[in-house]
């Protein structure tokens, strides 16, 4: 086989292994029991103060 074919096969195999590993990690994270954060840990929204300067003649 040519060297380019071997490199293509190796990179294809690595790509497939990474895709399978990604799917496994996503499945593991998806099966976790996600609960909302308690109200005491949620930060209150901060106030936004807008200031405008108008300099007229």
PDB file of N, CA and C in Angstrom:
ATOM      1  N   UNK A   1       0.833  -1.195   0.000  1.00  0.00           N
ATOM      2  CA  UNK A   1       0.000   0.000   0.000  1.00  0.00           C
ATOM      3  C   UNK A   1       0.870   1.247   0.000  1.00  0.00           C
ATOM      4  N   UNK A   2       0.310   2.270  -0.569  1.00  0.00           N
ATOM      5  CA  UNK A   2       1.017   3.547  -0.528  1.00  0.00           C
ATOM      6  C   UNK A   2       0.944   4.124   0.876  1.00  0.00           C
ATOM      7  N   UNK A   3       1.895   4.982   1.143  1.00  0.00           N
ATOM      8  CA  UNK A   3       1.922   5.604   2.471  1.00  0.00           C
ATOM      9  C   UNK A   3       0.685   6.479   2.680  1.00  0.00           C
ATOM     10  N   UNK A   4       0.207   7.143   1.662  1.00  0.00           N
ATOM     11  CA  UNK A   4      -0.960   8.020   1.797  1.00  0.00           C
ATOM     12  C   UNK A   4      -2.219   7.217   2.146  1.00  0.00           C
ATOM     13  N   UNK A   5      -2.333   5.997   1.617  1.00  0.00           N
ATOM     14  CA  UNK A   5      -3.486   5.160   1.952  1.00  0.00           C
ATOM     15  C   UNK A   5      -3.438   4.729   3.413  1.00  0.00           C
ATOM     16  N   UNK A   6      -2.254   4.408   3.890  1.00  0.00           N
ATOM     17  CA  UNK A   6      -2.105   4.004   5.295  1.00  0.00           C
ATOM     18  C   UNK A   6      -2.451   5.163   6.218  1.00  0.00           C
ATOM     19  N   UNK A   7      -1.978   6.348   5.878  1.00  0.00           N
ATOM     20  CA  UNK A   7      -2.281   7.537   6.684  1.00  0.00           C
ATOM     21  C   UNK A   7      -3.784   7.809   6.667  1.00  0.00           C
ATOM     22  N   UNK A   8      -4.421   7.648   5.527  1.00  0.00           N
ATOM     23  CA  UNK A   8      -5.864   7.875   5.424  1.00  0.00           C
ATOM     24  C   UNK A   8      -6.634   6.873   6.280  1.00  0.00           C
ATOM     25  N   UNK A   9      -6.225   5.624   6.272  1.00  0.00           N
ATOM     26  CA  UNK A   9      -6.899   4.604   7.080  1.00  0.00           C
ATOM     27  C   UNK A   9      -6.715   4.877   8.571  1.00  0.00           C
ATOM     28  N   UNK A  10      -5.501   5.263   8.950  1.00  0.00           N
ATOM     29  CA  UNK A  10      -5.236   5.546  10.369  1.00  0.00           C
ATOM     30  C   UNK A  10      -6.041   6.756  10.827  1.00  0.00           C
ATOM     31  N   UNK A  11      -6.076   7.830  10.040  1.00  0.00           N
ATOM     32  CA  UNK A  11      -6.843   9.011  10.441  1.00  0.00           C
ATOM     33  C   UNK A  11      -8.341   8.715  10.458  1.00  0.00           C
ATOM     34  N   UNK A  12      -8.810   7.895   9.538  1.00  0.00           N
ATOM     35  CA  UNK A  12     -10.219   7.498   9.560  1.00  0.00           C
ATOM     36  C   UNK A  12     -10.558   6.702  10.807  1.00  0.00           C
ATOM     37  N   UNK A  13      -9.675   5.791  11.192  1.00  0.00           N
ATOM     38  CA  UNK A  13      -9.907   4.998  12.401  1.00  0.00           C
ATOM     39  C   UNK A  13      -9.899   5.881  13.648  1.00  0.00           C
ATOM     40  N   UNK A  14      -8.962   6.821  13.702  1.00  0.00           N
ATOM     41  CA  UNK A  14      -8.916   7.751  14.840  1.00  0.00           C
ATOM     42  C   UNK A  14     -10.189   8.589  14.882  1.00  0.00           C
ATOM     43  N   UNK A  15     -10.660   9.039  13.738  1.00  0.00           N
ATOM     44  CA  UNK A  15     -11.882   9.838  13.679  1.00  0.00           C
ATOM     45  C   UNK A  15     -13.083   9.042  14.182  1.00  0.00           C
ATOM     46  N   UNK A  16     -13.192   7.792  13.769  1.00  0.00           N
ATOM     47  CA  UNK A  16     -14.307   6.953  14.222  1.00  0.00           C
ATOM     48  C   UNK A  16     -14.217   6.703  15.725  1.00  0.00           C
ATOM     49  N   UNK A  17     -13.014   6.457  16.246  1.00  0.00           N
ATOM     50  CA  UNK A  17     -12.853   6.249  17.695  1.00  0.00           C
ATOM     51  C   UNK A  17     -13.231   7.499  18.477  1.00  0.00           C
ATOM     52  N   UNK A  18     -12.834   8.672  17.985  1.00  0.00           N
ATOM     53  CA  UNK A  18     -13.203   9.918  18.666  1.00  0.00           C
ATOM     54  C   UNK A  18     -14.718  10.137  18.638  1.00  0.00           C
ATOM     55  N   UNK A  19     -15.355   9.822  17.520  1.00  0.00           N
ATOM     56  CA  UNK A  19     -16.802   9.976  17.425  1.00  0.00           C
ATOM     57  C   UNK A  19     -17.521   9.052  18.396  1.00  0.00           C
ATOM     58  N   UNK A  20     -17.066   7.811  18.504  1.00  0.00           N
ATOM     59  CA  UNK A  20     -17.685   6.866  19.436  1.00  0.00           C
ATOM     60  C   UNK A  20     -17.464   7.307  20.879  1.00  0.00           C
ATOM     61  N   UNK A  21     -16.248   7.772  21.194  1.00  0.00           N
ATOM     62  CA  UNK A  21     -15.974   8.262  22.548  1.00  0.00           C
ATOM     63  C   UNK A  21     -16.857   9.461  22.875  1.00  0.00           C
ATOM     64  N   UNK A  22     -17.058  10.359  21.909  1.00  0.00           N
ATOM     65  CA  UNK A  22     -17.916  11.523  22.118  1.00  0.00           C
ATOM     66  C   UNK A  22     -19.349  11.089  22.399  1.00  0.00           C
ATOM     67  N   UNK A  23     -19.851  10.144  21.629  1.00  0.00           N
ATOM     68  CA  UNK A  23     -21.216   9.669  21.849  1.00  0.00           C
ATOM     69  C   UNK A  23     -21.371   9.019  23.225  1.00  0.00           C
ATOM     70  N   UNK A  24     -20.354   8.290  23.664  1.00  0.00           N
ATOM     71  CA  UNK A  24     -20.413   7.666  24.993  1.00  0.00           C
ATOM     72  C   UNK A  24     -20.446   8.730  26.077  1.00  0.00           C
ATOM     73  N   UNK A  25     -19.595   9.748  25.952  1.00  0.00           N
ATOM     74  CA  UNK A  25     -19.576  10.827  26.956  1.00  0.00           C
ATOM     75  C   UNK A  25     -20.912  11.562  26.978  1.00  0.00           C
ATOM     76  N   UNK A  26     -21.494  11.826  25.829  1.00  0.00           N
ATOM     77  CA  UNK A  26     -22.786  12.511  25.771  1.00  0.00           C
ATOM     78  C   UNK A  26     -23.870  11.663  26.424  1.00  0.00           C
ATOM     79  N   UNK A  27     -23.854  10.369  26.195  1.00  0.00           N
ATOM     80  CA  UNK A  27     -24.842   9.488  26.812  1.00  0.00           C
ATOM     81  C   UNK A  27     -24.689   9.462  28.326  1.00  0.00           C
ATOM     82  N   UNK A  28     -23.456   9.415  28.808  1.00  0.00           N
ATOM     83  CA  UNK A  28     -23.220   9.413  30.262  1.00  0.00           C
ATOM     84  C   UNK A  28     -23.726  10.709  30.879  1.00  0.00           C
ATOM     85  N   UNK A  29     -23.428  11.842  30.238  1.00  0.00           N
ATOM     86  CA  UNK A  29     -23.890  13.123  30.775  1.00  0.00           C
ATOM     87  C   UNK A  29     -25.404  13.256  30.681  1.00  0.00           C
ATOM     88  N   UNK A  30     -26.008  12.639  29.692  1.00  0.00           N
ATOM     89  CA  UNK A  30     -27.449  12.725  29.505  1.00  0.00           C
ATOM     90  C   UNK A  30     -28.203  11.918  30.559  1.00  0.00           C
ATOM     91  N   UNK A  31     -27.619  10.847  31.066  1.00  0.00           N
ATOM     92  CA  UNK A  31     -28.297  10.002  32.044  1.00  0.00           C
ATOM     93  C   UNK A  31     -28.222  10.559  33.466  1.00  0.00           C
ATOM     94  N   UNK A  32     -27.425  11.601  33.674  1.00  0.00           N
ATOM     95  CA  UNK A  32     -27.335  12.173  35.023  1.00  0.00           C
ATOM     96  C   UNK A  32     -28.664  12.802  35.412  1.00  0.00           C
ATOM     97  N   UNK A  33     -28.947  12.795  36.697  1.00  0.00           N
ATOM     98  CA  UNK A  33     -30.178  13.399  37.198  1.00  0.00           C
ATOM     99  C   UNK A  33     -29.925  14.884  37.421  1.00  0.00           C
ATOM    100  N   UNK A  34     -30.428  15.692  36.516  1.00  0.00           N
ATOM    101  CA  UNK A  34     -30.203  17.129  36.597  1.00  0.00           C
ATOM    102  C   UNK A  34     -31.314  17.773  37.414  1.00  0.00           C
ATOM    103  N   UNK A  35     -30.921  18.466  38.467  1.00  0.00           N
ATOM    104  CA  UNK A  35     -31.872  19.177  39.307  1.00  0.00           C
ATOM    105  C   UNK A  35     -31.534  20.658  39.269  1.00  0.00           C
ATOM    106  N   UNK A  36     -32.554  21.516  39.316  1.00  0.00           N
ATOM    107  CA  UNK A  36     -32.271  22.952  39.286  1.00  0.00           C
ATOM    108  C   UNK A  36     -31.553  23.407  40.554  1.00  0.00           C
ATOM    109  N   UNK A  37     -30.821  24.485  40.432  1.00  0.00           N
ATOM    110  CA  UNK A  37     -30.104  25.033  41.569  1.00  0.00           C
ATOM    111  C   UNK A  37     -31.096  25.598  42.583  1.00  0.00           C
ATOM    112  N   UNK A  38     -30.770  25.516  43.867  1.00  0.00           N
ATOM    113  CA  UNK A  38     -31.644  26.120  44.876  1.00  0.00           C
ATOM    114  C   UNK A  38     -31.734  27.632  44.674  1.00  0.00           C
ATOM    115  N   UNK A  39     -32.848  28.191  45.100  1.00  0.00           N
ATOM    116  CA  UNK A  39     -33.079  29.622  44.919  1.00  0.00           C
ATOM    117  C   UNK A  39     -32.002  30.447  45.625  1.00  0.00           C
ATOM    118  N   UNK A  40     -31.487  29.952  46.733  1.00  0.00           N
ATOM    119  CA  UNK A  40     -30.493  30.712  47.485  1.00  0.00           C
ATOM    120  C   UNK A  40     -29.178  30.849  46.722  1.00  0.00           C
ATOM    121  N   UNK A  41     -28.914  29.972  45.754  1.00  0.00           N
ATOM    122  CA  UNK A  41     -27.662  30.046  45.011  1.00  0.00           C
ATOM    123  C   UNK A  41     -27.788  30.856  43.722  1.00  0.00           C
ATOM    124  N   UNK A  42     -28.998  31.217  43.363  1.00  0.00           N
ATOM    125  CA  UNK A  42     -29.181  32.008  42.153  1.00  0.00           C
ATOM    126  C   UNK A  42     -28.922  33.471  42.485  1.00  0.00           C
ATOM    127  N   UNK A  43     -28.064  34.102  41.722  1.00  0.00           N
ATOM    128  CA  UNK A  43     -27.722  35.497  41.980  1.00  0.00           C
ATOM    129  C   UNK A  43     -28.871  36.398  41.550  1.00  0.00           C
ATOM    130  N   UNK A  44     -29.098  37.427  42.335  1.00  0.00           N
ATOM    131  CA  UNK A  44     -30.138  38.381  41.962  1.00  0.00           C
ATOM    132  C   UNK A  44     -29.631  39.211  40.781  1.00  0.00           C
ATOM    133  N   UNK A  45     -30.525  39.570  39.887  1.00  0.00           N
ATOM    134  CA  UNK A  45     -30.074  40.349  38.727  1.00  0.00           C
ATOM    135  C   UNK A  45     -29.565  41.716  39.161  1.00  0.00           C
ATOM    136  N   UNK A  46     -28.462  42.102  38.620  1.00  0.00           N
ATOM    137  CA  UNK A  46     -27.892  43.394  38.987  1.00  0.00           C
ATOM    138  C   UNK A  46     -28.567  44.503  38.180  1.00  0.00           C
ATOM    139  N   UNK A  47     -28.600  45.660  38.766  1.00  0.00           N
ATOM    140  CA  UNK A  47     -29.236  46.803  38.117  1.00  0.00           C
ATOM    141  C   UNK A  47     -28.300  47.404  37.077  1.00  0.00           C
ATOM    142  N   UNK A  48     -28.863  47.844  36.007  1.00  0.00           N
ATOM    143  CA  UNK A  48     -28.074  48.494  34.965  1.00  0.00           C
ATOM    144  C   UNK A  48     -28.410  49.985  35.006  1.00  0.00           C
ATOM    145  N   UNK A  49     -27.400  50.775  35.178  1.00  0.00           N
ATOM    146  CA  UNK A  49     -27.596  52.221  35.273  1.00  0.00           C
ATOM    147  C   UNK A  49     -27.081  52.833  33.970  1.00  0.00           C
ATOM    148  N   UNK A  50     -27.970  53.515  33.298  1.00  0.00           N
ATOM    149  CA  UNK A  50     -27.591  54.174  32.051  1.00  0.00           C
ATOM    150  C   UNK A  50     -27.432  55.659  32.315  1.00  0.00           C
ATOM    151  N   UNK A  51     -26.372  56.200  31.818  1.00  0.00           N
ATOM    152  CA  UNK A  51     -26.122  57.614  32.005  1.00  0.00           C
ATOM    153  C   UNK A  51     -25.857  58.243  30.628  1.00  0.00           C
ATOM    154  N   UNK A  52     -26.476  59.358  30.409  1.00  0.00           N
ATOM    155  CA  UNK A  52     -26.323  60.014  29.106  1.00  0.00           C
ATOM    156  C   UNK A  52     -25.891  61.453  29.342  1.00  0.00           C
ATOM    157  N   UNK A  53     -24.878  61.846  28.626  1.00  0.00           N
ATOM    158  CA  UNK A  53     -24.418  63.226  28.686  1.00  0.00           C
ATOM    159  C   UNK A  53     -24.749  63.910  27.367  1.00  0.00           C
ATOM    160  N   UNK A  54     -25.387  65.053  27.480  1.00  0.00           N
ATOM    161  CA  UNK A  54     -25.698  65.814  26.294  1.00  0.00           C
ATOM    162  C   UNK A  54     -25.115  67.193  26.474  1.00  0.00           C
ATOM    163  N   UNK A  55     -24.206  67.516  25.616  1.00  0.00           N
ATOM    164  CA  UNK A  55     -23.561  68.820  25.693  1.00  0.00           C
ATOM    165  C   UNK A  55     -24.039  69.637  24.512  1.00  0.00           C
ATOM    166  N   UNK A  56     -24.840  70.635  24.791  1.00  0.00           N
ATOM    167  CA  UNK A  56     -25.393  71.467  23.729  1.00  0.00           C
ATOM    168  C   UNK A  56     -24.760  72.852  23.746  1.00  0.00           C
ATOM    169  N   UNK A  57     -24.933  73.553  22.685  1.00  0.00           N
ATOM    170  CA  UNK A  57     -24.362  74.901  22.628  1.00  0.00           C
ATOM    171  C   UNK A  57     -25.435  75.942  22.708  1.00  0.00           C
TER     172      UNK A  57
END
